Amino acid sequence: MYTLSEANMKLPAFEQEPEDAFIVRYAPVTLRCKAAPASQVYFRCNGDFVKAKIHTRLESVDGAGVHHIETSVAVTRDDVEEYLALNGFWCECVAWSVAGSTKSQRARVDIACKY
């Protein structure tokens, strides 16, 4: 029978949080986050969760049996332009464990220069 270690029963903590970024020309930027212990980690951008198929996800278990999940998502110029007239474009990560969920800091994504 599978049992959770005591460490996996805590709220997730972020080992890496998304950072502010600038899109230069049309090259997308990649935002990353990593949390442990975690059963799920997703990006939420401008209040909406990003579809799982758009995420890149890497899972690992350390020597103490703690589950780590690293997630990344590419943000394009088209994603950002839609929100320029509003309060800008932002993303955060939400991580879940058996104990509950935790949100990361918000990262703002802007366009470096407008044509």
C-alpha atoms as a PDB file:
ATOM      1  CA  MET A   1       0.000   0.000   0.000  1.00  0.00           C
ATOM      2  CA  TYR A   2       1.276   3.488  -0.900  1.00  0.00           C
ATOM      3  CA  THR A   3       1.620   5.913   2.015  1.00  0.00           C
ATOM      4  CA  LEU A   4       2.524   9.570   1.879  1.00  0.00           C
ATOM      5  CA  SER A   5       5.631  10.673   3.715  1.00  0.00           C
ATOM      6  CA  GLU A   6       5.183  13.370   6.336  1.00  0.00           C
ATOM      7  CA  ALA A   7       7.030  15.818   4.062  1.00  0.00           C
ATOM      8  CA  ASN A   8       4.478  15.293   1.262  1.00  0.00           C
ATOM      9  CA  MET A   9       1.622  16.238   3.605  1.00  0.00           C
ATOM     10  CA  LYS A  10       2.763  19.882   3.877  1.00  0.00           C
ATOM     11  CA  LEU A  11       1.632  22.850   1.786  1.00  0.00           C
ATOM     12  CA  PRO A  12       3.738  23.276  -1.360  1.00  0.00           C
ATOM     13  CA  ALA A  13       6.605  25.746  -1.269  1.00  0.00           C
ATOM     14  CA  PHE A  14       8.074  27.302  -4.398  1.00  0.00           C
ATOM     15  CA  GLU A  15      11.710  26.539  -5.121  1.00  0.00           C
ATOM     16  CA  GLN A  16      11.524  28.662  -8.283  1.00  0.00           C
ATOM     17  CA  GLU A  17       8.910  31.314  -9.095  1.00  0.00           C
ATOM     18  CA  PRO A  18       8.113  32.971 -12.414  1.00  0.00           C
ATOM     19  CA  GLU A  19      10.001  36.222 -13.026  1.00  0.00           C
ATOM     20  CA  ASP A  20       9.092  39.386 -14.944  1.00  0.00           C
ATOM     21  CA  ALA A  21      10.079  39.178 -18.608  1.00  0.00           C
ATOM     22  CA  PHE A  22      10.112  41.156 -21.829  1.00  0.00           C
ATOM     23  CA  ILE A  23       9.224  39.837 -25.268  1.00  0.00           C
ATOM     24  CA  VAL A  24      11.772  41.051 -27.802  1.00  0.00           C
ATOM     25  CA  ARG A  25      10.459  41.180 -31.362  1.00  0.00           C
ATOM     26  CA  TYR A  26       8.400  38.011 -31.815  1.00  0.00           C
ATOM     27  CA  ALA A  27      10.435  35.577 -29.686  1.00  0.00           C
ATOM     28  CA  PRO A  28       8.284  34.056 -26.925  1.00  0.00           C
ATOM     29  CA  VAL A  29       9.501  34.076 -23.328  1.00  0.00           C
ATOM     30  CA  THR A  30       9.444  31.039 -21.084  1.00  0.00           C
ATOM     31  CA  LEU A  31       8.191  31.337 -17.520  1.00  0.00           C
ATOM     32  CA  ARG A  32       9.164  28.625 -15.020  1.00  0.00           C
ATOM     33  CA  CYS A  33       8.236  27.519 -11.559  1.00  0.00           C
ATOM     34  CA  LYS A  34       9.107  24.592  -9.331  1.00  0.00           C
ATOM     35  CA  ALA A  35       7.350  23.492  -6.140  1.00  0.00           C
ATOM     36  CA  ALA A  36       7.583  20.738  -3.522  1.00  0.00           C
ATOM     37  CA  PRO A  37       5.878  18.817  -2.158  1.00  0.00           C
ATOM     38  CA  ALA A  38       3.440  18.971  -5.029  1.00  0.00           C
ATOM     39  CA  SER A  39       0.965  16.759  -6.823  1.00  0.00           C
ATOM     40  CA  GLN A  40       0.056  19.415  -9.442  1.00  0.00           C
ATOM     41  CA  VAL A  41       1.539  22.735 -10.593  1.00  0.00           C
ATOM     42  CA  TYR A  42      -0.223  24.925 -13.168  1.00  0.00           C
ATOM     43  CA  PHE A  43       0.182  28.422 -14.535  1.00  0.00           C
ATOM     44  CA  ARG A  44      -2.639  30.920 -14.242  1.00  0.00           C
ATOM     45  CA  CYS A  45      -2.364  33.948 -16.531  1.00  0.00           C
ATOM     46  CA  ASN A  46      -4.633  36.964 -16.156  1.00  0.00           C
ATOM     47  CA  GLY A  47      -6.942  34.900 -13.959  1.00  0.00           C
ATOM     48  CA  ASP A  48      -7.350  31.916 -16.296  1.00  0.00           C
ATOM     49  CA  PHE A  49      -5.594  28.565 -15.894  1.00  0.00           C
ATOM     50  CA  VAL A  50      -3.368  27.644 -18.838  1.00  0.00           C
ATOM     51  CA  LYS A  51      -4.347  24.342 -20.456  1.00  0.00           C
ATOM     52  CA  ALA A  52      -2.252  21.394 -19.292  1.00  0.00           C
ATOM     53  CA  LYS A  53      -1.236  20.496 -22.862  1.00  0.00           C
ATOM     54  CA  ILE A  54       0.525  23.867 -23.186  1.00  0.00           C
ATOM     55  CA  HIS A  55       2.690  23.304 -20.088  1.00  0.00           C
ATOM     56  CA  THR A  56       6.024  21.549 -20.044  1.00  0.00           C
ATOM     57  CA  ARG A  57       6.242  19.458 -16.892  1.00  0.00           C
ATOM     58  CA  LEU A  58       9.081  17.607 -15.159  1.00  0.00           C
ATOM     59  CA  GLU A  59       8.440  15.485 -12.065  1.00  0.00           C
ATOM     60  CA  SER A  60      10.992  14.068  -9.645  1.00  0.00           C
ATOM     61  CA  VAL A  61      11.157  12.501  -6.199  1.00  0.00           C
ATOM     62  CA  ASP A  62      14.137  13.242  -3.967  1.00  0.00           C
ATOM     63  CA  GLY A  63      15.851  10.844  -1.550  1.00  0.00           C
ATOM     64  CA  ALA A  64      13.413  11.765   1.230  1.00  0.00           C
ATOM     65  CA  GLY A  65      10.437  10.841  -0.971  1.00  0.00           C
ATOM     66  CA  VAL A  66       9.369  14.466  -1.551  1.00  0.00           C
ATOM     67  CA  HIS A  67       7.600  15.093  -4.878  1.00  0.00           C
ATOM     68  CA  HIS A  68       8.975  18.042  -6.902  1.00  0.00           C
ATOM     69  CA  ILE A  69       7.255  19.406 -10.010  1.00  0.00           C
ATOM     70  CA  GLU A  70       8.830  21.910 -12.400  1.00  0.00           C
ATOM     71  CA  THR A  71       6.491  23.542 -14.905  1.00  0.00           C
ATOM     72  CA  SER A  72       7.101  26.012 -17.720  1.00  0.00           C
ATOM     73  CA  VAL A  73       4.978  27.815 -20.259  1.00  0.00           C
ATOM     74  CA  ALA A  74       5.838  29.905 -23.336  1.00  0.00           C
ATOM     75  CA  VAL A  75       4.204  33.339 -23.560  1.00  0.00           C
ATOM     76  CA  THR A  76       3.951  34.905 -27.020  1.00  0.00           C
ATOM     77  CA  ARG A  77       3.587  38.444 -28.231  1.00  0.00           C
ATOM     78  CA  ASP A  78       0.003  37.655 -29.271  1.00  0.00           C
ATOM     79  CA  ASP A  79      -0.804  36.528 -25.708  1.00  0.00           C
ATOM     80  CA  VAL A  80       0.489  39.823 -24.296  1.00  0.00           C
ATOM     81  CA  GLU A  81      -0.919  42.252 -26.903  1.00  0.00           C
ATOM     82  CA  GLU A  82      -4.452  41.221 -26.019  1.00  0.00           C
ATOM     83  CA  TYR A  83      -3.986  42.679 -22.511  1.00  0.00           C
ATOM     84  CA  LEU A  84      -1.929  45.840 -23.229  1.00  0.00           C
ATOM     85  CA  ALA A  85      -4.937  48.159 -22.949  1.00  0.00           C
ATOM     86  CA  LEU A  86      -5.983  46.567 -19.672  1.00  0.00           C
ATOM     87  CA  ASN A  87      -3.734  46.151 -16.632  1.00  0.00           C
ATOM     88  CA  GLY A  88      -1.078  44.253 -18.563  1.00  0.00           C
ATOM     89  CA  PHE A  89      -0.282  40.564 -18.824  1.00  0.00           C
ATOM     90  CA  TRP A  90       0.716  38.524 -15.775  1.00  0.00           C
ATOM     91  CA  CYS A  91       1.134  34.894 -14.784  1.00  0.00           C
ATOM     92  CA  GLU A  92       1.492  33.046 -11.508  1.00  0.00           C
ATOM     93  CA  CYS A  93       1.845  29.403 -10.564  1.00  0.00           C
ATOM     94  CA  VAL A  94      -0.558  27.485  -8.372  1.00  0.00           C
ATOM     95  CA  ALA A  95       0.750  24.327  -6.689  1.00  0.00           C
ATOM     96  CA  TRP A  96      -1.316  21.666  -4.939  1.00  0.00           C
ATOM     97  CA  SER A  97      -0.466  18.974  -2.404  1.00  0.00           C
ATOM     98  CA  VAL A  98      -2.664  16.849  -0.143  1.00  0.00           C
ATOM     99  CA  ALA A  99      -2.531  19.711   2.401  1.00  0.00           C
ATOM    100  CA  GLY A 100      -3.884  22.399   0.050  1.00  0.00           C
ATOM    101  CA  SER A 101      -2.654  24.934  -2.494  1.00  0.00           C
ATOM    102  CA  THR A 102      -0.154  27.794  -2.667  1.00  0.00           C
ATOM    103  CA  LYS A 103       0.254  30.620  -5.201  1.00  0.00           C
ATOM    104  CA  SER A 104       3.599  31.967  -6.411  1.00  0.00           C
ATOM    105  CA  GLN A 105       4.494  35.593  -6.970  1.00  0.00           C
ATOM    106  CA  ARG A 106       3.078  37.163 -10.116  1.00  0.00           C
ATOM    107  CA  ALA A 107       5.339  37.728 -13.077  1.00  0.00           C
ATOM    108  CA  ARG A 108       4.514  40.505 -15.496  1.00  0.00           C
ATOM    109  CA  VAL A 109       5.287  40.049 -19.201  1.00  0.00           C
ATOM    110  CA  ASP A 110       5.651  43.128 -21.398  1.00  0.00           C
ATOM    111  CA  ILE A 111       6.701  43.810 -24.965  1.00  0.00           C
ATOM    112  CA  ALA A 112      10.198  45.335 -25.073  1.00  0.00           C
ATOM    113  CA  CYS A 113       9.495  47.781 -27.884  1.00  0.00           C
ATOM    114  CA  LYS A 114       6.338  48.549 -29.751  1.00  0.00           C
ATOM    115  CA  TYR A 115       6.359  49.069 -33.499  1.00  0.00           C
END
